[in-house]
PDB file of N, CA and C in Angstrom:
ATOM      1  N   TYR A   1      24.007 -28.293  31.302  1.00  0.00           N
ATOM      2  CA  TYR A   1      24.629 -27.803  32.510  1.00  0.00           C
ATOM      3  C   TYR A   1      24.700 -28.895  33.566  1.00  0.00           C
ATOM      4  N   ILE A   2      23.639 -29.640  33.770  1.00  0.00           N
ATOM      5  CA  ILE A   2      23.611 -30.663  34.811  1.00  0.00           C
ATOM      6  C   ILE A   2      24.603 -31.775  34.494  1.00  0.00           C
ATOM      7  N   ALA A   3      24.694 -32.175  33.228  1.00  0.00           N
ATOM      8  CA  ALA A   3      25.624 -33.229  32.844  1.00  0.00           C
ATOM      9  C   ALA A   3      27.065 -32.803  33.124  1.00  0.00           C
ATOM     10  N   GLU A   4      27.402 -31.573  32.821  1.00  0.00           N
ATOM     11  CA  GLU A   4      28.754 -31.068  33.087  1.00  0.00           C
ATOM     12  C   GLU A   4      29.041 -31.060  34.583  1.00  0.00           C
ATOM     13  N   GLU A   5      28.056 -30.642  35.367  1.00  0.00           N
ATOM     14  CA  GLU A   5      28.218 -30.577  36.825  1.00  0.00           C
ATOM     15  C   GLU A   5      28.454 -31.978  37.402  1.00  0.00           C
ATOM     16  N   LEU A   6      27.654 -32.949  36.949  1.00  0.00           N
ATOM     17  CA  LEU A   6      27.820 -34.317  37.434  1.00  0.00           C
ATOM     18  C   LEU A   6      29.156 -34.907  36.990  1.00  0.00           C
ATOM     19  N   TRP A   7      29.575 -34.597  35.776  1.00  0.00           N
ATOM     20  CA  TRP A   7      30.853 -35.063  35.254  1.00  0.00           C
ATOM     21  C   TRP A   7      32.008 -34.579  36.127  1.00  0.00           C
ATOM     22  N   GLN A   8      31.948 -33.326  36.517  1.00  0.00           N
ATOM     23  CA  GLN A   8      32.984 -32.758  37.376  1.00  0.00           C
ATOM     24  C   GLN A   8      32.954 -33.392  38.774  1.00  0.00           C
ATOM     25  N   ARG A   9      31.765 -33.656  39.295  1.00  0.00           N
ATOM     26  CA  ARG A   9      31.643 -34.272  40.637  1.00  0.00           C
ATOM     27  C   ARG A   9      32.145 -35.726  40.645  1.00  0.00           C
ATOM     28  N   LEU A  10      32.105 -36.378  39.496  1.00  0.00           N
ATOM     29  CA  LEU A  10      32.662 -37.720  39.393  1.00  0.00           C
ATOM     30  C   LEU A  10      34.188 -37.698  39.341  1.00  0.00           C
ATOM     31  N   GLY A  11      34.746 -36.525  39.249  1.00  0.00           N
ATOM     32  CA  GLY A  11      36.198 -36.387  39.252  1.00  0.00           C
ATOM     33  C   GLY A  11      36.828 -36.459  37.882  1.00  0.00           C
ATOM     34  N   GLU A  12      36.022 -36.350  36.835  1.00  0.00           N
ATOM     35  CA  GLU A  12      36.543 -36.415  35.472  1.00  0.00           C
ATOM     36  C   GLU A  12      37.065 -35.043  35.050  1.00  0.00           C
ATOM     37  N   ASP A  13      38.045 -35.066  34.143  1.00  0.00           N
ATOM     38  CA  ASP A  13      38.629 -33.828  33.636  1.00  0.00           C
ATOM     39  C   ASP A  13      37.985 -33.457  32.317  1.00  0.00           C
ATOM     40  N   GLY A  14      38.016 -32.190  31.990  1.00  0.00           N
ATOM     41  CA  GLY A  14      37.499 -31.704  30.719  1.00  0.00           C
ATOM     42  C   GLY A  14      35.979 -31.701  30.690  1.00  0.00           C
ATOM     43  N   SER A  15      35.442 -31.574  29.492  1.00  0.00           N
ATOM     44  CA  SER A  15      34.004 -31.479  29.308  1.00  0.00           C
ATOM     45  C   SER A  15      33.415 -32.846  28.952  1.00  0.00           C
ATOM     46  N   VAL A  16      32.234 -33.110  29.450  1.00  0.00           N
ATOM     47  CA  VAL A  16      31.553 -34.362  29.131  1.00  0.00           C
ATOM     48  C   VAL A  16      31.191 -34.406  27.649  1.00  0.00           C
ATOM     49  N   HIS A  17      31.050 -33.271  27.034  1.00  0.00           N
ATOM     50  CA  HIS A  17      30.650 -33.199  25.632  1.00  0.00           C
ATOM     51  C   HIS A  17      31.749 -33.612  24.655  1.00  0.00           C
ATOM     52  N   VAL A  18      33.003 -33.593  25.091  1.00  0.00           N
ATOM     53  CA  VAL A  18      34.095 -33.997  24.209  1.00  0.00           C
ATOM     54  C   VAL A  18      34.705 -35.335  24.640  1.00  0.00           C
ATOM     55  N   SER A  19      34.127 -35.969  25.636  1.00  0.00           N
ATOM     56  CA  SER A  19      34.639 -37.266  26.090  1.00  0.00           C
ATOM     57  C   SER A  19      34.164 -38.377  25.145  1.00  0.00           C
ATOM     58  N   ASP A  20      34.836 -39.506  25.192  1.00  0.00           N
ATOM     59  CA  ASP A  20      34.474 -40.650  24.352  1.00  0.00           C
ATOM     60  C   ASP A  20      33.198 -41.304  24.866  1.00  0.00           C
ATOM     61  N   TRP A  21      32.441 -41.844  23.912  1.00  0.00           N
ATOM     62  CA  TRP A  21      31.225 -42.590  24.255  1.00  0.00           C
ATOM     63  C   TRP A  21      31.660 -43.918  24.884  1.00  0.00           C
ATOM     64  N   PRO A  22      30.946 -44.408  25.900  1.00  0.00           N
ATOM     65  CA  PRO A  22      31.341 -45.685  26.521  1.00  0.00           C
ATOM     66  C   PRO A  22      31.323 -46.830  25.509  1.00  0.00           C
ATOM     67  N   LYS A  23      32.272 -47.743  25.653  1.00  0.00           N
ATOM     68  CA  LYS A  23      32.377 -48.894  24.757  1.00  0.00           C
ATOM     69  C   LYS A  23      31.435 -49.999  25.222  1.00  0.00           C
ATOM     70  N   PHE A  24      30.828 -50.709  24.269  1.00  0.00           N
ATOM     71  CA  PHE A  24      29.919 -51.813  24.551  1.00  0.00           C
ATOM     72  C   PHE A  24      30.702 -53.113  24.601  1.00  0.00           C
ATOM     73  N   ASP A  25      30.530 -53.866  25.686  1.00  0.00           N
ATOM     74  CA  ASP A  25      31.196 -55.153  25.837  1.00  0.00           C
ATOM     75  C   ASP A  25      30.123 -56.233  25.960  1.00  0.00           C
ATOM     76  N   GLU A  26      29.953 -57.027  24.896  1.00  0.00           N
ATOM     77  CA  GLU A  26      28.901 -58.039  24.860  1.00  0.00           C
ATOM     78  C   GLU A  26      29.084 -59.098  25.941  1.00  0.00           C
ATOM     79  N   GLU A  27      30.299 -59.373  26.334  1.00  0.00           N
ATOM     80  CA  GLU A  27      30.571 -60.370  27.374  1.00  0.00           C
ATOM     81  C   GLU A  27      29.979 -59.955  28.726  1.00  0.00           C
ATOM     82  N   GLU A  28      29.863 -58.679  28.963  1.00  0.00           N
ATOM     83  CA  GLU A  28      29.327 -58.187  30.232  1.00  0.00           C
ATOM     84  C   GLU A  28      27.830 -58.428  30.386  1.00  0.00           C
ATOM     85  N   ILE A  29      27.095 -58.547  29.281  1.00  0.00           N
ATOM     86  CA  ILE A  29      25.646 -58.699  29.390  1.00  0.00           C
ATOM     87  C   ILE A  29      25.185 -60.148  29.278  1.00  0.00           C
ATOM     88  N   LYS A  30      26.101 -61.078  29.009  1.00  0.00           N
ATOM     89  CA  LYS A  30      25.722 -62.482  28.890  1.00  0.00           C
ATOM     90  C   LYS A  30      25.436 -63.064  30.267  1.00  0.00           C
ATOM     91  N   LYS A  31      24.357 -63.837  30.332  1.00  0.00           N
ATOM     92  CA  LYS A  31      24.015 -64.529  31.564  1.00  0.00           C
ATOM     93  C   LYS A  31      24.656 -65.909  31.540  1.00  0.00           C
ATOM     94  N   GLU A  32      25.030 -66.402  32.705  1.00  0.00           N
ATOM     95  CA  GLU A  32      25.608 -67.739  32.777  1.00  0.00           C
ATOM     96  C   GLU A  32      24.527 -68.804  32.720  1.00  0.00           C
ATOM     97  N   LYS A  33      23.385 -68.555  33.353  1.00  0.00           N
ATOM     98  CA  LYS A  33      22.279 -69.513  33.374  1.00  0.00           C
ATOM     99  C   LYS A  33      21.010 -68.825  32.892  1.00  0.00           C
ATOM    100  N   ILE A  34      20.187 -69.592  32.189  1.00  0.00           N
ATOM    101  CA  ILE A  34      18.915 -69.080  31.694  1.00  0.00           C
ATOM    102  C   ILE A  34      17.831 -70.077  32.090  1.00  0.00           C
ATOM    103  N   SER A  35      16.708 -69.564  32.535  1.00  0.00           N
ATOM    104  CA  SER A  35      15.575 -70.399  32.908  1.00  0.00           C
ATOM    105  C   SER A  35      14.666 -70.532  31.694  1.00  0.00           C
ATOM    106  N   LEU A  36      14.542 -71.753  31.174  1.00  0.00           N
ATOM    107  CA  LEU A  36      13.777 -72.011  29.955  1.00  0.00           C
ATOM    108  C   LEU A  36      12.461 -72.695  30.332  1.00  0.00           C
ATOM    109  N   PRO A  37      11.317 -72.103  29.973  1.00  0.00           N
ATOM    110  CA  PRO A  37      10.030 -72.723  30.315  1.00  0.00           C
ATOM    111  C   PRO A  37       9.725 -73.939  29.445  1.00  0.00           C
ATOM    112  N   VAL A  38       9.119 -74.935  30.082  1.00  0.00           N
ATOM    113  CA  VAL A  38       8.658 -76.135  29.384  1.00  0.00           C
ATOM    114  C   VAL A  38       7.148 -76.197  29.554  1.00  0.00           C
ATOM    115  N   ALA A  39       6.431 -76.204  28.431  1.00  0.00           N
ATOM    116  CA  ALA A  39       4.971 -76.219  28.458  1.00  0.00           C
ATOM    117  C   ALA A  39       4.459 -77.566  27.979  1.00  0.00           C
ATOM    118  N   ILE A  40       3.332 -77.970  28.559  1.00  0.00           N
ATOM    119  CA  ILE A  40       2.625 -79.162  28.109  1.00  0.00           C
ATOM    120  C   ILE A  40       1.278 -78.681  27.594  1.00  0.00           C
ATOM    121  N   ASN A  41       0.997 -78.919  26.316  1.00  0.00           N
ATOM    122  CA  ASN A  41      -0.232 -78.447  25.664  1.00  0.00           C
ATOM    123  C   ASN A  41      -0.455 -76.944  25.862  1.00  0.00           C
ATOM    124  N   GLY A  42       0.613 -76.180  25.781  1.00  0.00           N
ATOM    125  CA  GLY A  42       0.506 -74.729  25.814  1.00  0.00           C
ATOM    126  C   GLY A  42       0.524 -74.091  27.190  1.00  0.00           C
ATOM    127  N   LYS A  43       0.574 -74.897  28.261  1.00  0.00           N
ATOM    128  CA  LYS A  43       0.613 -74.340  29.611  1.00  0.00           C
ATOM    129  C   LYS A  43       1.973 -74.649  30.234  1.00  0.00           C
ATOM    130  N   VAL A  44       2.620 -73.616  30.756  1.00  0.00           N
ATOM    131  CA  VAL A  44       3.936 -73.795  31.361  1.00  0.00           C
ATOM    132  C   VAL A  44       3.786 -74.639  32.625  1.00  0.00           C
ATOM    133  N   ARG A  45       4.517 -75.741  32.655  1.00  0.00           N
ATOM    134  CA  ARG A  45       4.456 -76.657  33.796  1.00  0.00           C
ATOM    135  C   ARG A  45       5.737 -76.665  34.616  1.00  0.00           C
ATOM    136  N   GLU A  46       6.836 -76.242  34.009  1.00  0.00           N
ATOM    137  CA  GLU A  46       8.124 -76.261  34.695  1.00  0.00           C
ATOM    138  C   GLU A  46       9.086 -75.315  34.000  1.00  0.00           C
ATOM    139  N   LYS A  47      10.087 -74.862  34.738  1.00  0.00           N
ATOM    140  CA  LYS A  47      11.174 -74.064  34.166  1.00  0.00           C
ATOM    141  C   LYS A  47      12.467 -74.797  34.467  1.00  0.00           C
ATOM    142  N   ILE A  48      13.272 -74.975  33.446  1.00  0.00           N
ATOM    143  CA  ILE A  48      14.532 -75.699  33.583  1.00  0.00           C
ATOM    144  C   ILE A  48      15.677 -74.707  33.423  1.00  0.00           C
ATOM    145  N   ASP A  49      16.606 -74.732  34.372  1.00  0.00           N
ATOM    146  CA  ASP A  49      17.784 -73.865  34.310  1.00  0.00           C
ATOM    147  C   ASP A  49      18.853 -74.514  33.451  1.00  0.00           C
ATOM    148  N   LEU A  50      19.328 -73.768  32.467  1.00  0.00           N
ATOM    149  CA  LEU A  50      20.356 -74.240  31.539  1.00  0.00           C
ATOM    150  C   LEU A  50      21.506 -73.254  31.480  1.00  0.00           C
ATOM    151  N   GLU A  51      22.683 -73.756  31.126  1.00  0.00           N
ATOM    152  CA  GLU A  51      23.797 -72.868  30.841  1.00  0.00           C
ATOM    153  C   GLU A  51      23.441 -72.108  29.569  1.00  0.00           C
ATOM    154  N   SER A  52      23.817 -70.860  29.492  1.00  0.00           N
ATOM    155  CA  SER A  52      23.386 -70.026  28.365  1.00  0.00           C
ATOM    156  C   SER A  52      23.852 -70.559  27.010  1.00  0.00           C
ATOM    157  N   ASP A  53      24.946 -71.293  26.978  1.00  0.00           N
ATOM    158  CA  ASP A  53      25.411 -71.830  25.693  1.00  0.00           C
ATOM    159  C   ASP A  53      24.701 -73.127  25.296  1.00  0.00           C
ATOM    160  N   ARG A  54      23.834 -73.683  26.166  1.00  0.00           N
ATOM    161  CA  ARG A  54      23.114 -74.923  25.860  1.00  0.00           C
ATOM    162  C   ARG A  54      21.645 -74.678  25.527  1.00  0.00           C
ATOM    163  N   THR A  55      21.202 -73.432  25.465  1.00  0.00           N
ATOM    164  CA  THR A  55      19.779 -73.143  25.261  1.00  0.00           C
ATOM    165  C   THR A  55      19.298 -73.436  23.843  1.00  0.00           C
ATOM    166  N   THR A  56      20.193 -73.682  22.919  1.00  0.00           N
ATOM    167  CA  THR A  56      19.790 -74.018  21.551  1.00  0.00           C
ATOM    168  C   THR A  56      19.950 -75.507  21.256  1.00  0.00           C
ATOM    169  N   ASP A  57      20.370 -76.280  22.242  1.00  0.00           N
ATOM    170  CA  ASP A  57      20.600 -77.714  22.083  1.00  0.00           C
ATOM    171  C   ASP A  57      19.343 -78.490  22.486  1.00  0.00           C
ATOM    172  N   LYS A  58      18.535 -78.857  21.491  1.00  0.00           N
ATOM    173  CA  LYS A  58      17.258 -79.524  21.754  1.00  0.00           C
ATOM    174  C   LYS A  58      17.456 -80.899  22.387  1.00  0.00           C
ATOM    175  N   GLU A  59      18.458 -81.655  21.929  1.00  0.00           N
ATOM    176  CA  GLU A  59      18.686 -83.000  22.464  1.00  0.00           C
ATOM    177  C   GLU A  59      19.021 -82.941  23.949  1.00  0.00           C
ATOM    178  N   TYR A  60      19.859 -81.984  24.333  1.00  0.00           N
ATOM    179  CA  TYR A  60      20.225 -81.822  25.745  1.00  0.00           C
ATOM    180  C   TYR A  60      19.001 -81.448  26.581  1.00  0.00           C
ATOM    181  N   LEU A  61      18.204 -80.532  26.074  1.00  0.00           N
ATOM    182  CA  LEU A  61      16.992 -80.112  26.790  1.00  0.00           C
ATOM    183  C   LEU A  61      16.021 -81.279  26.943  1.00  0.00           C
ATOM    184  N   MET A  62      15.833 -82.057  25.897  1.00  0.00           N
ATOM    185  CA  MET A  62      14.927 -83.196  25.967  1.00  0.00           C
ATOM    186  C   MET A  62      15.425 -84.243  26.964  1.00  0.00           C
ATOM    187  N   SER A  63      16.741 -84.401  27.095  1.00  0.00           N
ATOM    188  CA  SER A  63      17.271 -85.344  28.088  1.00  0.00           C
ATOM    189  C   SER A  63      16.958 -84.870  29.507  1.00  0.00           C
ATOM    190  N   LEU A  64      16.975 -83.567  29.726  1.00  0.00           N
ATOM    191  CA  LEU A  64      16.607 -83.027  31.037  1.00  0.00           C
ATOM    192  C   LEU A  64      15.111 -83.163  31.302  1.00  0.00           C
ATOM    193  N   VAL A  65      14.317 -82.999  30.258  1.00  0.00           N
ATOM    194  CA  VAL A  65      12.861 -83.119  30.389  1.00  0.00           C
ATOM    195  C   VAL A  65      12.483 -84.557  30.743  1.00  0.00           C
ATOM    196  N   ARG A  66      13.150 -85.519  30.136  1.00  0.00           N
ATOM    197  CA  ARG A  66      12.823 -86.929  30.368  1.00  0.00           C
ATOM    198  C   ARG A  66      13.045 -87.361  31.814  1.00  0.00           C
ATOM    199  N   VAL A  67      13.980 -86.725  32.508  1.00  0.00           N
ATOM    200  CA  VAL A  67      14.271 -87.117  33.898  1.00  0.00           C
ATOM    201  C   VAL A  67      13.637 -86.190  34.927  1.00  0.00           C
ATOM    202  N   ASN A  68      12.970 -85.138  34.481  1.00  0.00           N
ATOM    203  CA  ASN A  68      12.344 -84.190  35.408  1.00  0.00           C
ATOM    204  C   ASN A  68      11.038 -84.779  35.953  1.00  0.00           C
ATOM    205  N   ILE A  69      10.944 -84.882  37.261  1.00  0.00           N
ATOM    206  CA  ILE A  69       9.791 -85.515  37.915  1.00  0.00           C
ATOM    207  C   ILE A  69       8.510 -84.728  37.689  1.00  0.00           C
ATOM    208  N   LYS A  70       8.577 -83.404  37.765  1.00  0.00           N
ATOM    209  CA  LYS A  70       7.372 -82.580  37.589  1.00  0.00           C
ATOM    210  C   LYS A  70       6.802 -82.713  36.177  1.00  0.00           C
ATOM    211  N   ILE A  71       7.668 -82.790  35.203  1.00  0.00           N
ATOM    212  CA  ILE A  71       7.210 -82.914  33.816  1.00  0.00           C
ATOM    213  C   ILE A  71       6.706 -84.332  33.552  1.00  0.00           C
ATOM    214  N   GLN A  72       7.377 -85.323  34.114  1.00  0.00           N
ATOM    215  CA  GLN A  72       6.960 -86.709  33.918  1.00  0.00           C
ATOM    216  C   GLN A  72       5.540 -86.945  34.426  1.00  0.00           C
ATOM    217  N   LYS A  73       5.157 -86.223  35.468  1.00  0.00           N
ATOM    218  CA  LYS A  73       3.790 -86.326  35.999  1.00  0.00           C
ATOM    219  C   LYS A  73       2.764 -85.974  34.925  1.00  0.00           C
ATOM    220  N   TRP A  74       3.079 -84.986  34.096  1.00  0.00           N
ATOM    221  CA  TRP A  74       2.153 -84.542  33.046  1.00  0.00           C
ATOM    222  C   TRP A  74       2.210 -85.424  31.802  1.00  0.00           C
ATOM    223  N   LEU A  75       3.300 -86.180  31.648  1.00  0.00           N
ATOM    224  CA  LEU A  75       3.470 -87.017  30.461  1.00  0.00           C
ATOM    225  C   LEU A  75       3.081 -88.478  30.697  1.00  0.00           C
ATOM    226  N   GLU A  76       2.889 -88.839  31.945  1.00  0.00           N
ATOM    227  CA  GLU A  76       2.616 -90.235  32.299  1.00  0.00           C
ATOM    228  C   GLU A  76       1.366 -90.769  31.599  1.00  0.00           C
ATOM    229  N   GLY A  77       1.547 -91.857  30.860  1.00  0.00           N
ATOM    230  CA  GLY A  77       0.442 -92.498  30.167  1.00  0.00           C
ATOM    231  C   GLY A  77      -0.045 -91.755  28.930  1.00  0.00           C
ATOM    232  N   LYS A  78       0.705 -90.758  28.479  1.00  0.00           N
ATOM    233  CA  LYS A  78       0.303 -89.970  27.316  1.00  0.00           C
ATOM    234  C   LYS A  78       1.355 -90.080  26.222  1.00  0.00           C
ATOM    235  N   GLU A  79       0.935 -89.803  25.012  1.00  0.00           N
ATOM    236  CA  GLU A  79       1.821 -89.861  23.855  1.00  0.00           C
ATOM    237  C   GLU A  79       2.175 -88.434  23.421  1.00  0.00           C
ATOM    238  N   VAL A  80       3.471 -88.189  23.246  1.00  0.00           N
ATOM    239  CA  VAL A  80       3.924 -86.887  22.752  1.00  0.00           C
ATOM    240  C   VAL A  80       3.721 -86.869  21.249  1.00  0.00           C
ATOM    241  N   ILE A  81       2.806 -86.010  20.802  1.00  0.00           N
ATOM    242  CA  ILE A  81       2.482 -85.898  19.378  1.00  0.00           C
ATOM    243  C   ILE A  81       3.465 -84.981  18.664  1.00  0.00           C
ATOM    244  N   LYS A  82       3.820 -83.884  19.318  1.00  0.00           N
ATOM    245  CA  LYS A  82       4.644 -82.872  18.663  1.00  0.00           C
ATOM    246  C   LYS A  82       5.518 -82.185  19.698  1.00  0.00           C
ATOM    247  N   GLU A  83       6.750 -81.868  19.293  1.00  0.00           N
ATOM    248  CA  GLU A  83       7.678 -81.095  20.114  1.00  0.00           C
ATOM    249  C   GLU A  83       7.918 -79.765  19.413  1.00  0.00           C
ATOM    250  N   ILE A  84       7.504 -78.688  20.048  1.00  0.00           N
ATOM    251  CA  ILE A  84       7.710 -77.355  19.474  1.00  0.00           C
ATOM    252  C   ILE A  84       8.817 -76.691  20.279  1.00  0.00           C
ATOM    253  N   PHE A  85       9.967 -76.520  19.639  1.00  0.00           N
ATOM    254  CA  PHE A  85      11.139 -75.969  20.315  1.00  0.00           C
ATOM    255  C   PHE A  85      11.526 -74.650  19.684  1.00  0.00           C
ATOM    256  N   VAL A  86      11.535 -73.607  20.482  1.00  0.00           N
ATOM    257  CA  VAL A  86      12.007 -72.297  20.033  1.00  0.00           C
ATOM    258  C   VAL A  86      13.347 -72.088  20.730  1.00  0.00           C
ATOM    259  N   PRO A  87      14.464 -72.205  19.999  1.00  0.00           N
ATOM    260  CA  PRO A  87      15.787 -72.141  20.621  1.00  0.00           C
ATOM    261  C   PRO A  87      15.981 -70.890  21.475  1.00  0.00           C
ATOM    262  N   GLY A  88      16.383 -71.131  22.715  1.00  0.00           N
ATOM    263  CA  GLY A  88      16.644 -70.043  23.637  1.00  0.00           C
ATOM    264  C   GLY A  88      15.416 -69.439  24.274  1.00  0.00           C
ATOM    265  N   LYS A  89      14.213 -69.900  23.893  1.00  0.00           N
ATOM    266  CA  LYS A  89      12.981 -69.296  24.408  1.00  0.00           C
ATOM    267  C   LYS A  89      12.129 -70.280  25.207  1.00  0.00           C
ATOM    268  N   MET A  90      11.712 -71.403  24.595  1.00  0.00           N
ATOM    269  CA  MET A  90      10.859 -72.350  25.297  1.00  0.00           C
ATOM    270  C   MET A  90      10.725 -73.660  24.542  1.00  0.00           C
ATOM    271  N   LEU A  91      10.151 -74.648  25.256  1.00  0.00           N
ATOM    272  CA  LEU A  91       9.812 -75.933  24.668  1.00  0.00           C
ATOM    273  C   LEU A  91       8.369 -76.228  25.015  1.00  0.00           C
ATOM    274  N   ASN A  92       7.580 -76.607  24.002  1.00  0.00           N
ATOM    275  CA  ASN A  92       6.173 -76.962  24.202  1.00  0.00           C
ATOM    276  C   ASN A  92       5.980 -78.375  23.684  1.00  0.00           C
ATOM    277  N   LEU A  93       5.443 -79.233  24.544  1.00  0.00           N
ATOM    278  CA  LEU A  93       5.140 -80.602  24.152  1.00  0.00           C
ATOM    279  C   LEU A  93       3.638 -80.745  24.009  1.00  0.00           C
ATOM    280  N   VAL A  94       3.204 -81.208  22.841  1.00  0.00           N
ATOM    281  CA  VAL A  94       1.782 -81.440  22.598  1.00  0.00           C
ATOM    282  C   VAL A  94       1.546 -82.932  22.846  1.00  0.00           C
ATOM    283  N   VAL A  95       0.641 -83.227  23.800  1.00  0.00           N
ATOM    284  CA  VAL A  95       0.377 -84.622  24.159  1.00  0.00           C
ATOM    285  C   VAL A  95      -1.123 -84.920  24.049  1.00  0.00           C
ATOM    286  N   ARG A  96      -1.417 -86.245  23.966  1.00  0.00           N
ATOM    287  CA  ARG A  96      -2.818 -86.657  24.030  1.00  0.00           C
ATOM    288  C   ARG A  96      -2.906 -87.925  24.836  1.00  0.00           C
TER     289      ARG A  96
END
């Protein structure tokens, strides 16, 4: 009863029960920018904003990491042993 009442108040014709289900548009839910966390030895030290289509590009992300001042502070004088990259989720650098 409530759904029918609200349907009528929205100005729609007919019954809500025989109307079409809304269509899903994947383009509407895509974000233009995504904030990707960068961790050093498992602790998040910085978040880098990337275009959503570049979040799986490890080389591009590493180029941004190399010039980021906050991250360079944590890498100064240390050797990167391992790069753990989860596409679209995060980057973790293991250093000693």
